[in-house]
Amino acid sequence: MKLSTVVLLVFSLLLTTGVKASGYKCNNGFVTVGDRKATVLLRCGEPFFAEVVSGADEIKVEEWTYMPRHYKGFLRVLRFSGGRLVDISVGEKLD
């Protein structure tokens, strides 16, 4: 098997297994892990989908999902804990 084929295969597997990112380029800027929810909202706007994944007696954890900036791109899932951005992951690809 050629090296380029192996590299392409590994890269495609990474993209489909929830790759982590340290930053995300939005409509009005760039957000990184550690940013507050208000900063993300100002730079990225309202998410396509938002849900609370834990809360009540625990620190509130939310996930905000953003649509890709380009046709047939990948969703971005931003996870907040205690009002701070703690994780950015690449979600499913839209066809």
PDB file of N, CA and C in Angstrom:
ATOM      1  N   MET A   1       0.849  -1.171   0.000  1.00  0.00           N
ATOM      2  CA  MET A   1       0.000   0.000   0.000  1.00  0.00           C
ATOM      3  C   MET A   1       0.901   1.243   0.000  1.00  0.00           C
ATOM      4  N   LYS A   2       0.567   2.219  -0.808  1.00  0.00           N
ATOM      5  CA  LYS A   2       1.360   3.432  -0.905  1.00  0.00           C
ATOM      6  C   LYS A   2       1.232   4.259   0.368  1.00  0.00           C
ATOM      7  N   LEU A   3       2.274   5.016   0.686  1.00  0.00           N
ATOM      8  CA  LEU A   3       2.291   5.859   1.869  1.00  0.00           C
ATOM      9  C   LEU A   3       1.167   6.884   1.830  1.00  0.00           C
ATOM     10  N   SER A   4       0.895   7.472   0.663  1.00  0.00           N
ATOM     11  CA  SER A   4      -0.161   8.483   0.557  1.00  0.00           C
ATOM     12  C   SER A   4      -1.535   7.883   0.864  1.00  0.00           C
ATOM     13  N   THR A   5      -1.753   6.643   0.493  1.00  0.00           N
ATOM     14  CA  THR A   5      -3.016   5.962   0.785  1.00  0.00           C
ATOM     15  C   THR A   5      -3.163   5.739   2.285  1.00  0.00           C
ATOM     16  N   VAL A   6      -2.079   5.337   2.935  1.00  0.00           N
ATOM     17  CA  VAL A   6      -2.101   5.114   4.381  1.00  0.00           C
ATOM     18  C   VAL A   6      -2.368   6.423   5.121  1.00  0.00           C
ATOM     19  N   VAL A   7      -1.706   7.488   4.711  1.00  0.00           N
ATOM     20  CA  VAL A   7      -1.902   8.793   5.347  1.00  0.00           C
ATOM     21  C   VAL A   7      -3.346   9.247   5.173  1.00  0.00           C
ATOM     22  N   LEU A   8      -3.890   9.100   4.004  1.00  0.00           N
ATOM     23  CA  LEU A   8      -5.274   9.480   3.749  1.00  0.00           C
ATOM     24  C   LEU A   8      -6.236   8.655   4.596  1.00  0.00           C
ATOM     25  N   LEU A   9      -5.997   7.371   4.731  1.00  0.00           N
ATOM     26  CA  LEU A   9      -6.838   6.499   5.544  1.00  0.00           C
ATOM     27  C   LEU A   9      -6.795   6.910   7.012  1.00  0.00           C
ATOM     28  N   VAL A  10      -5.611   7.156   7.544  1.00  0.00           N
ATOM     29  CA  VAL A  10      -5.478   7.571   8.947  1.00  0.00           C
ATOM     30  C   VAL A  10      -6.169   8.909   9.169  1.00  0.00           C
ATOM     31  N   PHE A  11      -5.980   9.851   8.263  1.00  0.00           N
ATOM     32  CA  PHE A  11      -6.615  11.167   8.387  1.00  0.00           C
ATOM     33  C   PHE A  11      -8.136  11.050   8.380  1.00  0.00           C
ATOM     34  N   SER A  12      -8.695  10.249   7.503  1.00  0.00           N
ATOM     35  CA  SER A  12     -10.150  10.099   7.442  1.00  0.00           C
ATOM     36  C   SER A  12     -10.693   9.416   8.691  1.00  0.00           C
ATOM     37  N   LEU A  13      -9.942   8.486   9.257  1.00  0.00           N
ATOM     38  CA  LEU A  13     -10.368   7.856  10.512  1.00  0.00           C
ATOM     39  C   LEU A  13     -10.380   8.856  11.654  1.00  0.00           C
ATOM     40  N   LEU A  14      -9.389   9.725  11.712  1.00  0.00           N
ATOM     41  CA  LEU A  14      -9.360  10.750  12.750  1.00  0.00           C
ATOM     42  C   LEU A  14     -10.552  11.683  12.655  1.00  0.00           C
ATOM     43  N   LEU A  15     -10.932  12.046  11.452  1.00  0.00           N
ATOM     44  CA  LEU A  15     -12.045  12.964  11.268  1.00  0.00           C
ATOM     45  C   LEU A  15     -13.380  12.358  11.676  1.00  0.00           C
ATOM     46  N   THR A  16     -13.488  11.069  11.629  1.00  0.00           N
ATOM     47  CA  THR A  16     -14.768  10.443  11.954  1.00  0.00           C
ATOM     48  C   THR A  16     -14.834   9.947  13.387  1.00  0.00           C
ATOM     49  N   THR A  17     -13.790  10.183  14.177  1.00  0.00           N
ATOM     50  CA  THR A  17     -13.794   9.679  15.543  1.00  0.00           C
ATOM     51  C   THR A  17     -13.786  10.783  16.586  1.00  0.00           C
ATOM     52  N   GLY A  18     -14.310  11.949  16.274  1.00  0.00           N
ATOM     53  CA  GLY A  18     -14.414  13.017  17.255  1.00  0.00           C
ATOM     54  C   GLY A  18     -13.083  13.673  17.581  1.00  0.00           C
ATOM     55  N   VAL A  19     -12.448  14.238  16.603  1.00  0.00           N
ATOM     56  CA  VAL A  19     -11.172  14.911  16.786  1.00  0.00           C
ATOM     57  C   VAL A  19     -11.369  16.118  17.708  1.00  0.00           C
ATOM     58  N   LYS A  20     -10.420  16.321  18.600  1.00  0.00           N
ATOM     59  CA  LYS A  20     -10.465  17.460  19.510  1.00  0.00           C
ATOM     60  C   LYS A  20      -9.739  18.632  18.880  1.00  0.00           C
ATOM     61  N   ALA A  21     -10.231  19.819  19.153  1.00  0.00           N
ATOM     62  CA  ALA A  21      -9.601  21.034  18.657  1.00  0.00           C
ATOM     63  C   ALA A  21      -9.402  21.989  19.821  1.00  0.00           C
ATOM     64  N   SER A  22      -8.370  22.818  19.762  1.00  0.00           N
ATOM     65  CA  SER A  22      -8.140  23.773  20.838  1.00  0.00           C
ATOM     66  C   SER A  22      -8.781  25.120  20.546  1.00  0.00           C
ATOM     67  N   GLY A  23      -9.213  25.318  19.302  1.00  0.00           N
ATOM     68  CA  GLY A  23      -9.858  26.562  18.924  1.00  0.00           C
ATOM     69  C   GLY A  23     -10.845  26.340  17.798  1.00  0.00           C
ATOM     70  N   TYR A  24     -11.688  27.344  17.599  1.00  0.00           N
ATOM     71  CA  TYR A  24     -12.714  27.261  16.562  1.00  0.00           C
ATOM     72  C   TYR A  24     -12.895  28.644  15.959  1.00  0.00           C
ATOM     73  N   LYS A  25     -12.801  28.747  14.630  1.00  0.00           N
ATOM     74  CA  LYS A  25     -13.017  30.017  13.945  1.00  0.00           C
ATOM     75  C   LYS A  25     -14.491  30.188  13.670  1.00  0.00           C
ATOM     76  N   CYS A  26     -15.048  31.249  14.228  1.00  0.00           N
ATOM     77  CA  CYS A  26     -16.477  31.552  14.074  1.00  0.00           C
ATOM     78  C   CYS A  26     -16.667  32.674  13.067  1.00  0.00           C
ATOM     79  N   ASN A  27     -17.921  33.106  12.967  1.00  0.00           N
ATOM     80  CA  ASN A  27     -18.264  34.208  12.068  1.00  0.00           C
ATOM     81  C   ASN A  27     -17.502  35.482  12.405  1.00  0.00           C
ATOM     82  N   ASN A  28     -17.409  35.826  13.691  1.00  0.00           N
ATOM     83  CA  ASN A  28     -16.829  37.106  14.109  1.00  0.00           C
ATOM     84  C   ASN A  28     -15.565  36.962  14.939  1.00  0.00           C
ATOM     85  N   GLY A  29     -14.805  35.916  14.727  1.00  0.00           N
ATOM     86  CA  GLY A  29     -13.574  35.773  15.482  1.00  0.00           C
ATOM     87  C   GLY A  29     -13.195  34.332  15.721  1.00  0.00           C
ATOM     88  N   PHE A  30     -12.443  34.144  16.785  1.00  0.00           N
ATOM     89  CA  PHE A  30     -11.892  32.838  17.109  1.00  0.00           C
ATOM     90  C   PHE A  30     -12.108  32.605  18.601  1.00  0.00           C
ATOM     91  N   VAL A  31     -12.562  31.408  18.966  1.00  0.00           N
ATOM     92  CA  VAL A  31     -12.737  31.081  20.375  1.00  0.00           C
ATOM     93  C   VAL A  31     -11.818  29.926  20.737  1.00  0.00           C
ATOM     94  N   THR A  32     -11.391  29.902  21.992  1.00  0.00           N
ATOM     95  CA  THR A  32     -10.504  28.851  22.464  1.00  0.00           C
ATOM     96  C   THR A  32     -10.984  28.331  23.814  1.00  0.00           C
ATOM     97  N   VAL A  33     -10.487  27.155  24.163  1.00  0.00           N
ATOM     98  CA  VAL A  33     -10.799  26.565  25.457  1.00  0.00           C
ATOM     99  C   VAL A  33     -10.419  27.573  26.539  1.00  0.00           C
ATOM    100  N   GLY A  34     -11.323  27.769  27.490  1.00  0.00           N
ATOM    101  CA  GLY A  34     -11.121  28.736  28.570  1.00  0.00           C
ATOM    102  C   GLY A  34     -11.966  29.981  28.417  1.00  0.00           C
ATOM    103  N   ASP A  35     -12.486  30.239  27.194  1.00  0.00           N
ATOM    104  CA  ASP A  35     -13.339  31.407  26.977  1.00  0.00           C
ATOM    105  C   ASP A  35     -14.668  31.252  27.726  1.00  0.00           C
ATOM    106  N   ARG A  36     -15.246  32.373  28.109  1.00  0.00           N
ATOM    107  CA  ARG A  36     -16.563  32.379  28.763  1.00  0.00           C
ATOM    108  C   ARG A  36     -17.670  32.194  27.715  1.00  0.00           C
ATOM    109  N   LYS A  37     -18.838  31.731  28.191  1.00  0.00           N
ATOM    110  CA  LYS A  37     -19.984  31.545  27.281  1.00  0.00           C
ATOM    111  C   LYS A  37     -20.349  32.844  26.574  1.00  0.00           C
ATOM    112  N   ALA A  38     -20.305  33.962  27.282  1.00  0.00           N
ATOM    113  CA  ALA A  38     -20.666  35.250  26.679  1.00  0.00           C
ATOM    114  C   ALA A  38     -19.734  35.598  25.521  1.00  0.00           C
ATOM    115  N   THR A  39     -18.445  35.310  25.667  1.00  0.00           N
ATOM    116  CA  THR A  39     -17.482  35.569  24.599  1.00  0.00           C
ATOM    117  C   THR A  39     -17.793  34.714  23.374  1.00  0.00           C
ATOM    118  N   VAL A  40     -18.084  33.440  23.616  1.00  0.00           N
ATOM    119  CA  VAL A  40     -18.418  32.532  22.508  1.00  0.00           C
ATOM    120  C   VAL A  40     -19.690  33.011  21.815  1.00  0.00           C
ATOM    121  N   LEU A  41     -20.683  33.412  22.573  1.00  0.00           N
ATOM    122  CA  LEU A  41     -21.941  33.888  22.005  1.00  0.00           C
ATOM    123  C   LEU A  41     -21.723  35.140  21.160  1.00  0.00           C
ATOM    124  N   LEU A  42     -20.904  36.063  21.627  1.00  0.00           N
ATOM    125  CA  LEU A  42     -20.620  37.280  20.862  1.00  0.00           C
ATOM    126  C   LEU A  42     -19.868  36.984  19.568  1.00  0.00           C
ATOM    127  N   ARG A  43     -18.921  36.054  19.621  1.00  0.00           N
ATOM    128  CA  ARG A  43     -18.099  35.768  18.444  1.00  0.00           C
ATOM    129  C   ARG A  43     -18.753  34.789  17.479  1.00  0.00           C
ATOM    130  N   CYS A  44     -19.502  33.820  18.004  1.00  0.00           N
ATOM    131  CA  CYS A  44     -20.051  32.753  17.157  1.00  0.00           C
ATOM    132  C   CYS A  44     -21.548  32.882  16.912  1.00  0.00           C
ATOM    133  N   GLY A  45     -22.237  33.670  17.708  1.00  0.00           N
ATOM    134  CA  GLY A  45     -23.678  33.786  17.576  1.00  0.00           C
ATOM    135  C   GLY A  45     -24.389  32.628  18.266  1.00  0.00           C
ATOM    136  N   GLU A  46     -25.682  32.551  18.057  1.00  0.00           N
ATOM    137  CA  GLU A  46     -26.496  31.483  18.648  1.00  0.00           C
ATOM    138  C   GLU A  46     -26.123  30.144  18.025  1.00  0.00           C
ATOM    139  N   PRO A  47     -26.026  29.103  18.835  1.00  0.00           N
ATOM    140  CA  PRO A  47     -25.735  27.779  18.280  1.00  0.00           C
ATOM    141  C   PRO A  47     -26.936  27.226  17.527  1.00  0.00           C
ATOM    142  N   PHE A  48     -26.680  26.303  16.625  1.00  0.00           N
ATOM    143  CA  PHE A  48     -27.742  25.603  15.904  1.00  0.00           C
ATOM    144  C   PHE A  48     -28.559  24.767  16.887  1.00  0.00           C
ATOM    145  N   PHE A  49     -27.871  24.176  17.871  1.00  0.00           N
ATOM    146  CA  PHE A  49     -28.522  23.321  18.862  1.00  0.00           C
ATOM    147  C   PHE A  49     -27.769  23.471  20.175  1.00  0.00           C
ATOM    148  N   ALA A  50     -28.501  23.549  21.284  1.00  0.00           N
ATOM    149  CA  ALA A  50     -27.877  23.639  22.606  1.00  0.00           C
ATOM    150  C   ALA A  50     -28.644  22.751  23.567  1.00  0.00           C
ATOM    151  N   GLU A  51     -27.907  22.083  24.455  1.00  0.00           N
ATOM    152  CA  GLU A  51     -28.557  21.251  25.453  1.00  0.00           C
ATOM    153  C   GLU A  51     -27.732  21.210  26.725  1.00  0.00           C
ATOM    154  N   VAL A  52     -28.420  21.064  27.846  1.00  0.00           N
ATOM    155  CA  VAL A  52     -27.759  20.870  29.125  1.00  0.00           C
ATOM    156  C   VAL A  52     -27.587  19.368  29.284  1.00  0.00           C
ATOM    157  N   VAL A  53     -26.343  18.923  29.476  1.00  0.00           N
ATOM    158  CA  VAL A  53     -26.098  17.490  29.592  1.00  0.00           C
ATOM    159  C   VAL A  53     -25.952  17.052  31.037  1.00  0.00           C
ATOM    160  N   SER A  54     -25.768  17.992  31.953  1.00  0.00           N
ATOM    161  CA  SER A  54     -25.844  17.709  33.389  1.00  0.00           C
ATOM    162  C   SER A  54     -26.102  19.025  34.097  1.00  0.00           C
ATOM    163  N   GLY A  55     -26.501  18.934  35.322  1.00  0.00           N
ATOM    164  CA  GLY A  55     -26.813  20.154  36.051  1.00  0.00           C
ATOM    165  C   GLY A  55     -27.290  19.819  37.436  1.00  0.00           C
ATOM    166  N   ALA A  56     -28.453  20.351  37.817  1.00  0.00           N
ATOM    167  CA  ALA A  56     -29.080  20.128  39.122  1.00  0.00           C
ATOM    168  C   ALA A  56     -28.080  20.299  40.261  1.00  0.00           C
ATOM    169  N   ASP A  57     -27.608  19.220  40.854  1.00  0.00           N
ATOM    170  CA  ASP A  57     -26.707  19.289  42.004  1.00  0.00           C
ATOM    171  C   ASP A  57     -25.244  19.394  41.600  1.00  0.00           C
ATOM    172  N   GLU A  58     -24.962  19.263  40.325  1.00  0.00           N
ATOM    173  CA  GLU A  58     -23.589  19.313  39.831  1.00  0.00           C
ATOM    174  C   GLU A  58     -23.331  20.665  39.180  1.00  0.00           C
ATOM    175  N   ILE A  59     -22.093  20.864  38.760  1.00  0.00           N
ATOM    176  CA  ILE A  59     -21.779  22.035  37.946  1.00  0.00           C
ATOM    177  C   ILE A  59     -22.465  21.844  36.601  1.00  0.00           C
ATOM    178  N   LYS A  60     -23.142  22.874  36.130  1.00  0.00           N
ATOM    179  CA  LYS A  60     -23.890  22.788  34.877  1.00  0.00           C
ATOM    180  C   LYS A  60     -22.944  22.579  33.694  1.00  0.00           C
ATOM    181  N   VAL A  61     -23.232  21.556  32.890  1.00  0.00           N
ATOM    182  CA  VAL A  61     -22.468  21.263  31.683  1.00  0.00           C
ATOM    183  C   VAL A  61     -23.408  21.390  30.491  1.00  0.00           C
ATOM    184  N   GLU A  62     -23.002  22.181  29.502  1.00  0.00           N
ATOM    185  CA  GLU A  62     -23.806  22.389  28.297  1.00  0.00           C
ATOM    186  C   GLU A  62     -22.991  22.050  27.062  1.00  0.00           C
ATOM    187  N   GLU A  63     -23.689  21.636  26.016  1.00  0.00           N
ATOM    188  CA  GLU A  63     -23.058  21.433  24.716  1.00  0.00           C
ATOM    189  C   GLU A  63     -23.788  22.289  23.691  1.00  0.00           C
ATOM    190  N   TRP A  64     -23.021  23.074  22.947  1.00  0.00           N
ATOM    191  CA  TRP A  64     -23.556  23.897  21.877  1.00  0.00           C
ATOM    192  C   TRP A  64     -23.016  23.349  20.566  1.00  0.00           C
ATOM    193  N   THR A  65     -23.899  23.157  19.603  1.00  0.00           N
ATOM    194  CA  THR A  65     -23.503  22.634  18.300  1.00  0.00           C
ATOM    195  C   THR A  65     -23.647  23.724  17.246  1.00  0.00           C
ATOM    196  N   TYR A  66     -22.593  23.890  16.455  1.00  0.00           N
ATOM    197  CA  TYR A  66     -22.590  24.879  15.378  1.00  0.00           C
ATOM    198  C   TYR A  66     -22.516  24.180  14.032  1.00  0.00           C
ATOM    199  N   MET A  67     -23.248  24.729  13.084  1.00  0.00           N
ATOM    200  CA  MET A  67     -23.243  24.223  11.715  1.00  0.00           C
ATOM    201  C   MET A  67     -21.894  24.555  11.074  1.00  0.00           C
ATOM    202  N   PRO A  68     -21.490  23.767  10.066  1.00  0.00           N
ATOM    203  CA  PRO A  68     -20.225  24.058   9.382  1.00  0.00           C
ATOM    204  C   PRO A  68     -20.314  25.374   8.619  1.00  0.00           C
ATOM    205  N   ARG A  69     -19.166  26.018   8.471  1.00  0.00           N
ATOM    206  CA  ARG A  69     -19.126  27.274   7.722  1.00  0.00           C
ATOM    207  C   ARG A  69     -19.184  27.034   6.228  1.00  0.00           C
ATOM    208  N   HIS A  70     -18.844  25.820   5.798  1.00  0.00           N
ATOM    209  CA  HIS A  70     -18.821  25.493   4.380  1.00  0.00           C
ATOM    210  C   HIS A  70     -19.777  24.345   4.102  1.00  0.00           C
ATOM    211  N   TYR A  71     -20.313  24.321   2.892  1.00  0.00           N
ATOM    212  CA  TYR A  71     -21.190  23.242   2.461  1.00  0.00           C
ATOM    213  C   TYR A  71     -20.489  21.906   2.640  1.00  0.00           C
ATOM    214  N   LYS A  72     -21.182  20.929   3.152  1.00  0.00           N
ATOM    215  CA  LYS A  72     -20.662  19.582   3.398  1.00  0.00           C
ATOM    216  C   LYS A  72     -19.503  19.570   4.385  1.00  0.00           C
ATOM    217  N   GLY A  73     -19.522  20.475   5.356  1.00  0.00           N
ATOM    218  CA  GLY A  73     -18.468  20.512   6.363  1.00  0.00           C
ATOM    219  C   GLY A  73     -18.840  19.688   7.583  1.00  0.00           C
ATOM    220  N   PHE A  74     -18.063  19.844   8.645  1.00  0.00           N
ATOM    221  CA  PHE A  74     -18.256  19.095   9.875  1.00  0.00           C
ATOM    222  C   PHE A  74     -18.873  19.986  10.949  1.00  0.00           C
ATOM    223  N   LEU A  75     -19.776  19.412  11.738  1.00  0.00           N
ATOM    224  CA  LEU A  75     -20.336  20.121  12.879  1.00  0.00           C
ATOM    225  C   LEU A  75     -19.231  20.367  13.895  1.00  0.00           C
ATOM    226  N   ARG A  76     -19.384  21.411  14.700  1.00  0.00           N
ATOM    227  CA  ARG A  76     -18.480  21.665  15.823  1.00  0.00           C
ATOM    228  C   ARG A  76     -19.320  21.619  17.099  1.00  0.00           C
ATOM    229  N   VAL A  77     -18.849  20.871  18.083  1.00  0.00           N
ATOM    230  CA  VAL A  77     -19.550  20.746  19.361  1.00  0.00           C
ATOM    231  C   VAL A  77     -18.681  21.396  20.425  1.00  0.00           C
ATOM    232  N   LEU A  78     -19.223  22.447  21.059  1.00  0.00           N
ATOM    233  CA  LEU A  78     -18.515  23.169  22.097  1.00  0.00           C
ATOM    234  C   LEU A  78     -19.132  22.800  23.445  1.00  0.00           C
ATOM    235  N   ARG A  79     -18.303  22.356  24.373  1.00  0.00           N
ATOM    236  CA  ARG A  79     -18.781  21.924  25.701  1.00  0.00           C
ATOM    237  C   ARG A  79     -18.350  22.946  26.743  1.00  0.00           C
ATOM    238  N   PHE A  80     -19.322  23.356  27.555  1.00  0.00           N
ATOM    239  CA  PHE A  80     -19.091  24.323  28.618  1.00  0.00           C
ATOM    240  C   PHE A  80     -19.311  23.656  29.966  1.00  0.00           C
ATOM    241  N   SER A  81     -18.487  24.015  30.928  1.00  0.00           N
ATOM    242  CA  SER A  81     -18.657  23.563  32.302  1.00  0.00           C
ATOM    243  C   SER A  81     -18.462  24.771  33.200  1.00  0.00           C
ATOM    244  N   GLY A  82     -19.464  25.059  34.021  1.00  0.00           N
ATOM    245  CA  GLY A  82     -19.368  26.216  34.901  1.00  0.00           C
ATOM    246  C   GLY A  82     -19.227  27.530  34.157  1.00  0.00           C
ATOM    247  N   GLY A  83     -19.792  27.613  32.956  1.00  0.00           N
ATOM    248  CA  GLY A  83     -19.764  28.851  32.178  1.00  0.00           C
ATOM    249  C   GLY A  83     -18.507  29.074  31.361  1.00  0.00           C
ATOM    250  N   ARG A  84     -17.585  28.120  31.357  1.00  0.00           N
ATOM    251  CA  ARG A  84     -16.339  28.230  30.591  1.00  0.00           C
ATOM    252  C   ARG A  84     -16.274  27.153  29.520  1.00  0.00           C
ATOM    253  N   LEU A  85     -15.704  27.492  28.375  1.00  0.00           N
ATOM    254  CA  LEU A  85     -15.502  26.538  27.292  1.00  0.00           C
ATOM    255  C   LEU A  85     -14.391  25.569  27.699  1.00  0.00           C
ATOM    256  N   VAL A  86     -14.732  24.274  27.771  1.00  0.00           N
ATOM    257  CA  VAL A  86     -13.752  23.279  28.230  1.00  0.00           C
ATOM    258  C   VAL A  86     -13.347  22.296  27.140  1.00  0.00           C
ATOM    259  N   ASP A  87     -14.104  22.230  26.042  1.00  0.00           N
ATOM    260  CA  ASP A  87     -13.782  21.270  24.993  1.00  0.00           C
ATOM    261  C   ASP A  87     -14.403  21.694  23.673  1.00  0.00           C
ATOM    262  N   ILE A  88     -13.665  21.498  22.601  1.00  0.00           N
ATOM    263  CA  ILE A  88     -14.162  21.743  21.244  1.00  0.00           C
ATOM    264  C   ILE A  88     -13.888  20.462  20.467  1.00  0.00           C
ATOM    265  N   SER A  89     -14.926  19.873  19.908  1.00  0.00           N
ATOM    266  CA  SER A  89     -14.718  18.639  19.135  1.00  0.00           C
ATOM    267  C   SER A  89     -15.394  18.751  17.774  1.00  0.00           C
ATOM    268  N   VAL A  90     -14.868  17.966  16.868  1.00  0.00           N
ATOM    269  CA  VAL A  90     -15.404  17.906  15.514  1.00  0.00           C
ATOM    270  C   VAL A  90     -16.465  16.819  15.486  1.00  0.00           C
ATOM    271  N   GLY A  91     -17.674  17.189  15.060  1.00  0.00           N
ATOM    272  CA  GLY A  91     -18.766  16.236  15.018  1.00  0.00           C
ATOM    273  C   GLY A  91     -18.925  15.590  13.649  1.00  0.00           C
ATOM    274  N   GLU A  92     -20.145  15.186  13.373  1.00  0.00           N
ATOM    275  CA  GLU A  92     -20.457  14.488  12.123  1.00  0.00           C
ATOM    276  C   GLU A  92     -20.307  15.402  10.919  1.00  0.00           C
ATOM    277  N   LYS A  93     -20.036  14.772   9.787  1.00  0.00           N
ATOM    278  CA  LYS A  93     -19.970  15.501   8.528  1.00  0.00           C
ATOM    279  C   LYS A  93     -21.359  15.580   7.927  1.00  0.00           C
ATOM    280  N   LEU A  94     -21.714  16.751   7.443  1.00  0.00           N
ATOM    281  CA  LEU A  94     -22.996  16.921   6.771  1.00  0.00           C
ATOM    282  C   LEU A  94     -22.820  16.681   5.274  1.00  0.00           C
ATOM    283  N   ASP A  95     -23.727  15.936   4.702  1.00  0.00           N
ATOM    284  CA  ASP A  95     -23.646  15.635   3.260  1.00  0.00           C
ATOM    285  C   ASP A  95     -24.510  16.579   2.476  1.00  0.00           C
TER     286      ASP A  95
END
